[in-house]
Amino acid sequence: MKILTGIISSLTLLSLNVVGLSQVQAQSQEGFEFQKVPVTLLGNGCPPGKAQGILNGDTLSVTFSAFEVIAPSPKTLSKSCNLRIGLNVPSGVNVQPIEVMYSGFADVPKGGSADLSVKIFFQGKEIPPNDNPNAKFGVGFSDTWSKNVGITLGTINACKNPVSSIFGINSTLTARATDVSKDQESQIRIDTIDTTIKDVLFQIKFEFNPC
């Protein structure tokens, strides 16, 4: 009887271990392990300091300080900041980027305007977005804004071998104050997203598919 009980206990423990292992494997298919990835900044509007990518779960967060343009009357100012993000997809997963998110603030007095222009790239080629990534802000706008831009991109197939890839986000901000009253200004900026990570300006969401 003791032997039978011992066998049953051993089988039960083995089955629990198998279930636990399956759950761990499933979890590994649902997101990236926490890691930092390289980010390169190019452009006359990029803020000082280094940018950094934080990869965790299904999200890549790009962190650096605020990107903004403030045009005093009667000027028009435009600044650009282009990101290049290195992403290494480990073997054993199919990964598909599905959304790019960013937000900001604009303040446009009478006689002014402000524009946001964003282009998304993968492996050096521009990705046609599902939603308009750009925005125009006219006279009287003074508020926050946000963009959740869906993207359709073929799956990154890393089932058998790891895949190295590069994402790009080119952003340009333009503030016009040509007809704005003296001592006033037009302004626009990309602000930090409200996350637990400090100074996140862009986020890329991914979907994980079984191999």
C-alpha atoms as a PDB file:
ATOM      1  CA  MET A   1       0.000   0.000   0.000  1.00  0.00           C
ATOM      2  CA  LYS A   2       2.833   2.369   0.882  1.00  0.00           C
ATOM      3  CA  ILE A   3       4.551   1.517  -2.390  1.00  0.00           C
ATOM      4  CA  LEU A   4       1.340   2.206  -4.355  1.00  0.00           C
ATOM      5  CA  THR A   5       0.853   5.504  -2.509  1.00  0.00           C
ATOM      6  CA  GLY A   6       4.452   6.462  -3.256  1.00  0.00           C
ATOM      7  CA  ILE A   7       4.006   5.675  -6.954  1.00  0.00           C
ATOM      8  CA  ILE A   8       0.808   7.760  -7.116  1.00  0.00           C
ATOM      9  CA  SER A   9       2.534  10.675  -5.349  1.00  0.00           C
ATOM     10  CA  SER A  10       5.480  10.488  -7.720  1.00  0.00           C
ATOM     11  CA  LEU A  11       3.208  10.460 -10.766  1.00  0.00           C
ATOM     12  CA  THR A  12       1.227  13.406  -9.379  1.00  0.00           C
ATOM     13  CA  LEU A  13       4.422  15.377  -8.764  1.00  0.00           C
ATOM     14  CA  LEU A  14       5.672  14.521 -12.261  1.00  0.00           C
ATOM     15  CA  SER A  15       2.401  15.670 -13.847  1.00  0.00           C
ATOM     16  CA  LEU A  16       2.527  18.953 -11.910  1.00  0.00           C
ATOM     17  CA  ASN A  17       6.101  19.507 -13.050  1.00  0.00           C
ATOM     18  CA  VAL A  18       5.079  18.912 -16.679  1.00  0.00           C
ATOM     19  CA  VAL A  19       2.177  21.364 -16.348  1.00  0.00           C
ATOM     20  CA  GLY A  20       4.479  23.939 -14.744  1.00  0.00           C
ATOM     21  CA  LEU A  21       7.036  23.521 -17.521  1.00  0.00           C
ATOM     22  CA  SER A  22       4.323  23.939 -20.159  1.00  0.00           C
ATOM     23  CA  GLN A  23       3.149  27.147 -18.478  1.00  0.00           C
ATOM     24  CA  VAL A  24       6.696  28.534 -18.406  1.00  0.00           C
ATOM     25  CA  GLN A  25       7.136  27.695 -22.085  1.00  0.00           C
ATOM     26  CA  ALA A  26       3.792  29.310 -22.909  1.00  0.00           C
ATOM     27  CA  GLN A  27       4.728  32.441 -20.994  1.00  0.00           C
ATOM     28  CA  SER A  28       8.001  32.669 -22.896  1.00  0.00           C
ATOM     29  CA  GLN A  29       5.961  32.721 -26.114  1.00  0.00           C
ATOM     30  CA  GLU A  30       3.810  35.630 -24.925  1.00  0.00           C
ATOM     31  CA  GLY A  31       6.453  38.300 -24.512  1.00  0.00           C
ATOM     32  CA  PHE A  32      10.063  39.379 -24.484  1.00  0.00           C
ATOM     33  CA  GLU A  33      12.222  39.030 -21.418  1.00  0.00           C
ATOM     34  CA  PHE A  34      13.126  42.369 -19.838  1.00  0.00           C
ATOM     35  CA  GLN A  35      16.161  43.835 -21.579  1.00  0.00           C
ATOM     36  CA  LYS A  36      17.656  47.069 -22.847  1.00  0.00           C
ATOM     37  CA  VAL A  37      18.135  47.583 -26.584  1.00  0.00           C
ATOM     38  CA  PRO A  38      20.259  50.117 -28.503  1.00  0.00           C
ATOM     39  CA  VAL A  39      18.658  53.313 -29.834  1.00  0.00           C
ATOM     40  CA  THR A  40      20.364  55.834 -32.121  1.00  0.00           C
ATOM     41  CA  LEU A  41      19.159  59.450 -32.401  1.00  0.00           C
ATOM     42  CA  LEU A  42      19.630  61.602 -35.511  1.00  0.00           C
ATOM     43  CA  GLY A  43      18.304  65.100 -36.182  1.00  0.00           C
ATOM     44  CA  ASN A  44      18.428  68.750 -35.175  1.00  0.00           C
ATOM     45  CA  GLY A  45      15.588  68.372 -32.686  1.00  0.00           C
ATOM     46  CA  CYS A  46      16.800  65.392 -30.710  1.00  0.00           C
ATOM     47  CA  PRO A  47      17.188  66.248 -27.037  1.00  0.00           C
ATOM     48  CA  PRO A  48      20.600  65.977 -25.383  1.00  0.00           C
ATOM     49  CA  GLY A  49      21.541  62.757 -23.679  1.00  0.00           C
ATOM     50  CA  LYS A  50      21.264  59.139 -24.675  1.00  0.00           C
ATOM     51  CA  ALA A  51      18.112  57.368 -25.781  1.00  0.00           C
ATOM     52  CA  GLN A  52      17.351  53.869 -24.574  1.00  0.00           C
ATOM     53  CA  GLY A  53      14.954  51.098 -25.511  1.00  0.00           C
ATOM     54  CA  ILE A  54      13.307  48.988 -22.819  1.00  0.00           C
ATOM     55  CA  LEU A  55      11.905  45.693 -24.073  1.00  0.00           C
ATOM     56  CA  ASN A  56       9.509  43.972 -21.705  1.00  0.00           C
ATOM     57  CA  GLY A  57       6.604  41.640 -22.393  1.00  0.00           C
ATOM     58  CA  ASP A  58       4.797  42.746 -25.548  1.00  0.00           C
ATOM     59  CA  THR A  59       6.094  46.342 -25.516  1.00  0.00           C
ATOM     60  CA  LEU A  60       9.208  48.198 -26.624  1.00  0.00           C
ATOM     61  CA  SER A  61       9.462  51.570 -24.850  1.00  0.00           C
ATOM     62  CA  VAL A  62      11.816  54.249 -26.176  1.00  0.00           C
ATOM     63  CA  THR A  63      12.996  56.610 -23.464  1.00  0.00           C
ATOM     64  CA  PHE A  64      14.533  60.064 -23.816  1.00  0.00           C
ATOM     65  CA  SER A  65      13.620  63.577 -22.705  1.00  0.00           C
ATOM     66  CA  ALA A  66      10.885  65.685 -24.318  1.00  0.00           C
ATOM     67  CA  PHE A  67      11.033  66.614 -27.986  1.00  0.00           C
ATOM     68  CA  GLU A  68       9.483  70.057 -28.599  1.00  0.00           C
ATOM     69  CA  VAL A  69       9.395  73.151 -30.790  1.00  0.00           C
ATOM     70  CA  ILE A  70       8.471  76.651 -29.541  1.00  0.00           C
ATOM     71  CA  ALA A  71       8.175  79.406 -32.136  1.00  0.00           C
ATOM     72  CA  PRO A  72       7.987  83.008 -30.865  1.00  0.00           C
ATOM     73  CA  SER A  73       6.239  85.625 -32.996  1.00  0.00           C
ATOM     74  CA  PRO A  74       6.791  86.028 -35.943  1.00  0.00           C
ATOM     75  CA  LYS A  75       8.905  82.913 -36.559  1.00  0.00           C
ATOM     76  CA  THR A  76       8.273  79.458 -38.003  1.00  0.00           C
ATOM     77  CA  LEU A  77      10.448  76.699 -36.560  1.00  0.00           C
ATOM     78  CA  SER A  78      10.733  73.052 -37.514  1.00  0.00           C
ATOM     79  CA  LYS A  79      12.779  70.305 -35.859  1.00  0.00           C
ATOM     80  CA  SER A  80      13.247  66.615 -36.559  1.00  0.00           C
ATOM     81  CA  CYS A  81      14.353  63.635 -34.526  1.00  0.00           C
ATOM     82  CA  ASN A  82      14.827  60.221 -36.111  1.00  0.00           C
ATOM     83  CA  LEU A  83      15.167  57.017 -34.076  1.00  0.00           C
ATOM     84  CA  ARG A  84      16.780  53.759 -35.089  1.00  0.00           C
ATOM     85  CA  ILE A  85      16.060  50.877 -32.728  1.00  0.00           C
ATOM     86  CA  GLY A  86      17.919  47.567 -32.793  1.00  0.00           C
ATOM     87  CA  LEU A  87      15.706  44.567 -32.028  1.00  0.00           C
ATOM     88  CA  ASN A  88      16.948  40.997 -31.710  1.00  0.00           C
ATOM     89  CA  VAL A  89      14.144  38.427 -31.761  1.00  0.00           C
ATOM     90  CA  PRO A  90      15.174  35.186 -30.024  1.00  0.00           C
ATOM     91  CA  SER A  91      14.608  31.851 -31.719  1.00  0.00           C
ATOM     92  CA  GLY A  92      11.393  29.990 -31.047  1.00  0.00           C
ATOM     93  CA  VAL A  93       8.877  32.803 -31.631  1.00  0.00           C
ATOM     94  CA  ASN A  94       6.905  34.553 -34.343  1.00  0.00           C
ATOM     95  CA  VAL A  95       6.615  38.263 -33.597  1.00  0.00           C
ATOM     96  CA  GLN A  96       4.460  40.874 -35.314  1.00  0.00           C
ATOM     97  CA  PRO A  97       4.529  44.621 -34.523  1.00  0.00           C
ATOM     98  CA  ILE A  98       0.953  45.881 -34.453  1.00  0.00           C
ATOM     99  CA  GLU A  99       0.881  49.409 -33.003  1.00  0.00           C
ATOM    100  CA  VAL A 100       2.993  52.508 -32.371  1.00  0.00           C
ATOM    101  CA  MET A 101       1.895  54.895 -29.608  1.00  0.00           C
ATOM    102  CA  TYR A 102       2.925  58.454 -28.772  1.00  0.00           C
ATOM    103  CA  SER A 103       1.313  61.555 -27.291  1.00  0.00           C
ATOM    104  CA  GLY A 104       1.984  65.224 -26.696  1.00  0.00           C
ATOM    105  CA  PHE A 105       0.751  68.775 -26.273  1.00  0.00           C
ATOM    106  CA  ALA A 106       0.134  71.737 -28.586  1.00  0.00           C
ATOM    107  CA  ASP A 107      -0.719  75.371 -27.909  1.00  0.00           C
ATOM    108  CA  VAL A 108      -1.703  77.513 -30.893  1.00  0.00           C
ATOM    109  CA  PRO A 109      -2.722  81.176 -30.438  1.00  0.00           C
ATOM    110  CA  LYS A 110      -4.572  83.237 -33.022  1.00  0.00           C
ATOM    111  CA  GLY A 111      -2.549  83.511 -36.214  1.00  0.00           C
ATOM    112  CA  GLY A 112      -0.517  80.346 -35.586  1.00  0.00           C
ATOM    113  CA  SER A 113      -0.516  76.638 -36.357  1.00  0.00           C
ATOM    114  CA  ALA A 114       1.406  73.490 -35.482  1.00  0.00           C
ATOM    115  CA  ASP A 115       2.054  70.212 -37.301  1.00  0.00           C
ATOM    116  CA  LEU A 116       3.192  66.722 -36.381  1.00  0.00           C
ATOM    117  CA  SER A 117       4.676  64.379 -38.989  1.00  0.00           C
ATOM    118  CA  VAL A 118       5.687  60.793 -38.251  1.00  0.00           C
ATOM    119  CA  LYS A 119       7.015  58.019 -40.508  1.00  0.00           C
ATOM    120  CA  ILE A 120       7.619  54.434 -39.385  1.00  0.00           C
ATOM    121  CA  PHE A 121      10.319  52.226 -40.899  1.00  0.00           C
ATOM    122  CA  PHE A 122      11.345  48.593 -40.714  1.00  0.00           C
ATOM    123  CA  GLN A 123      14.618  47.325 -42.160  1.00  0.00           C
ATOM    124  CA  GLY A 124      15.062  50.618 -43.997  1.00  0.00           C
ATOM    125  CA  LYS A 125      11.643  50.606 -45.703  1.00  0.00           C
ATOM    126  CA  GLU A 126       8.732  52.849 -44.771  1.00  0.00           C
ATOM    127  CA  ILE A 127       5.698  51.013 -43.371  1.00  0.00           C
ATOM    128  CA  PRO A 128       2.277  52.243 -44.585  1.00  0.00           C
ATOM    129  CA  PRO A 129       0.297  52.785 -41.346  1.00  0.00           C
ATOM    130  CA  ASN A 130      -3.327  51.720 -40.846  1.00  0.00           C
ATOM    131  CA  ASP A 131      -4.099  55.063 -39.173  1.00  0.00           C
ATOM    132  CA  ASN A 132      -2.952  58.600 -39.876  1.00  0.00           C
ATOM    133  CA  PRO A 133       0.260  59.103 -37.869  1.00  0.00           C
ATOM    134  CA  ASN A 134       0.273  62.872 -38.508  1.00  0.00           C
ATOM    135  CA  ALA A 135      -1.727  65.749 -37.055  1.00  0.00           C
ATOM    136  CA  LYS A 136      -2.409  69.439 -37.675  1.00  0.00           C
ATOM    137  CA  PHE A 137      -3.395  71.823 -34.896  1.00  0.00           C
ATOM    138  CA  GLY A 138      -5.147  75.054 -35.762  1.00  0.00           C
ATOM    139  CA  VAL A 139      -5.919  78.341 -34.069  1.00  0.00           C
ATOM    140  CA  GLY A 140      -7.216  78.001 -30.532  1.00  0.00           C
ATOM    141  CA  PHE A 141      -6.023  74.464 -29.905  1.00  0.00           C
ATOM    142  CA  SER A 142      -4.436  74.173 -26.476  1.00  0.00           C
ATOM    143  CA  ASP A 143      -4.561  70.635 -25.168  1.00  0.00           C
ATOM    144  CA  THR A 144      -2.923  67.241 -25.034  1.00  0.00           C
ATOM    145  CA  TRP A 145      -3.178  64.827 -27.944  1.00  0.00           C
ATOM    146  CA  SER A 146      -2.408  61.127 -28.447  1.00  0.00           C
ATOM    147  CA  LYS A 147      -1.819  58.727 -31.316  1.00  0.00           C
ATOM    148  CA  ASN A 148      -2.313  54.957 -31.437  1.00  0.00           C
ATOM    149  CA  VAL A 149      -1.180  54.064 -34.945  1.00  0.00           C
ATOM    150  CA  GLY A 150      -1.902  50.551 -36.135  1.00  0.00           C
ATOM    151  CA  ILE A 151       0.654  48.984 -38.473  1.00  0.00           C
ATOM    152  CA  THR A 152       0.482  45.901 -40.655  1.00  0.00           C
ATOM    153  CA  LEU A 153       3.822  44.211 -41.055  1.00  0.00           C
ATOM    154  CA  GLY A 154       4.697  40.653 -41.967  1.00  0.00           C
ATOM    155  CA  THR A 155       5.571  38.371 -39.080  1.00  0.00           C
ATOM    156  CA  ILE A 156       9.186  38.287 -37.961  1.00  0.00           C
ATOM    157  CA  ASN A 157       9.777  34.553 -38.215  1.00  0.00           C
ATOM    158  CA  ALA A 158      12.338  33.488 -35.648  1.00  0.00           C
ATOM    159  CA  CYS A 159      10.993  29.964 -35.166  1.00  0.00           C
ATOM    160  CA  LYS A 160      14.286  28.274 -36.032  1.00  0.00           C
ATOM    161  CA  ASN A 161      16.872  31.043 -35.817  1.00  0.00           C
ATOM    162  CA  PRO A 162      17.106  34.428 -34.039  1.00  0.00           C
ATOM    163  CA  VAL A 163      16.440  37.467 -36.215  1.00  0.00           C
ATOM    164  CA  SER A 164      18.132  40.870 -35.965  1.00  0.00           C
ATOM    165  CA  SER A 165      16.022  43.805 -37.163  1.00  0.00           C
ATOM    166  CA  ILE A 166      15.940  47.596 -37.063  1.00  0.00           C
ATOM    167  CA  PHE A 167      12.875  49.776 -36.479  1.00  0.00           C
ATOM    168  CA  GLY A 168      12.856  53.442 -37.373  1.00  0.00           C
ATOM    169  CA  ILE A 169      10.618  56.329 -36.319  1.00  0.00           C
ATOM    170  CA  ASN A 170      11.120  59.687 -38.030  1.00  0.00           C
ATOM    171  CA  SER A 171       9.275  62.565 -36.378  1.00  0.00           C
ATOM    172  CA  THR A 172       9.109  66.240 -37.331  1.00  0.00           C
ATOM    173  CA  LEU A 173       7.464  69.024 -35.354  1.00  0.00           C
ATOM    174  CA  THR A 174       6.633  72.412 -36.897  1.00  0.00           C
ATOM    175  CA  ALA A 175       5.366  75.477 -35.027  1.00  0.00           C
ATOM    176  CA  ARG A 176       4.243  78.607 -36.922  1.00  0.00           C
ATOM    177  CA  ALA A 177       3.839  82.023 -35.345  1.00  0.00           C
ATOM    178  CA  THR A 178       4.095  84.239 -38.428  1.00  0.00           C
ATOM    179  CA  ASP A 179       0.839  86.116 -37.681  1.00  0.00           C
ATOM    180  CA  VAL A 180       0.813  85.681 -33.916  1.00  0.00           C
ATOM    181  CA  SER A 181       0.643  88.742 -31.667  1.00  0.00           C
ATOM    182  CA  LYS A 182       3.894  90.000 -30.190  1.00  0.00           C
ATOM    183  CA  ASP A 183       5.027  88.211 -27.023  1.00  0.00           C
ATOM    184  CA  GLN A 184       2.993  85.116 -27.945  1.00  0.00           C
ATOM    185  CA  GLU A 185       4.234  81.814 -29.342  1.00  0.00           C
ATOM    186  CA  SER A 186       3.101  78.582 -31.002  1.00  0.00           C
ATOM    187  CA  GLN A 187       4.349  75.351 -29.537  1.00  0.00           C
ATOM    188  CA  ILE A 188       4.101  71.608 -30.018  1.00  0.00           C
ATOM    189  CA  ARG A 189       5.830  68.689 -28.331  1.00  0.00           C
ATOM    190  CA  ILE A 190       5.895  64.931 -27.991  1.00  0.00           C
ATOM    191  CA  ASP A 191       5.457  64.263 -24.301  1.00  0.00           C
ATOM    192  CA  THR A 192       6.290  61.319 -22.095  1.00  0.00           C
ATOM    193  CA  ILE A 193       3.722  58.536 -21.961  1.00  0.00           C
ATOM    194  CA  ASP A 194       2.328  57.716 -18.523  1.00  0.00           C
ATOM    195  CA  THR A 195       4.152  54.479 -17.682  1.00  0.00           C
ATOM    196  CA  THR A 196       6.166  53.081 -14.813  1.00  0.00           C
ATOM    197  CA  ILE A 197       9.281  53.764 -16.908  1.00  0.00           C
ATOM    198  CA  LYS A 198      10.511  57.351 -16.873  1.00  0.00           C
ATOM    199  CA  ASP A 199      10.513  59.536 -20.014  1.00  0.00           C
ATOM    200  CA  VAL A 200       8.909  57.142 -22.525  1.00  0.00           C
ATOM    201  CA  LEU A 201       8.190  59.016 -25.766  1.00  0.00           C
ATOM    202  CA  PHE A 202       7.324  56.129 -28.088  1.00  0.00           C
ATOM    203  CA  GLN A 203       6.002  52.618 -27.553  1.00  0.00           C
ATOM    204  CA  ILE A 204       5.793  49.768 -30.048  1.00  0.00           C
ATOM    205  CA  LYS A 205       3.354  46.936 -29.277  1.00  0.00           C
ATOM    206  CA  PHE A 206       3.937  43.383 -30.503  1.00  0.00           C
ATOM    207  CA  GLU A 207       1.812  40.311 -30.983  1.00  0.00           C
ATOM    208  CA  PHE A 208       3.255  36.840 -30.448  1.00  0.00           C
ATOM    209  CA  ASN A 209       2.115  33.927 -32.636  1.00  0.00           C
ATOM    210  CA  PRO A 210       2.920  30.237 -32.237  1.00  0.00           C
ATOM    211  CA  CYS A 211       5.511  28.724 -34.535  1.00  0.00           C
END
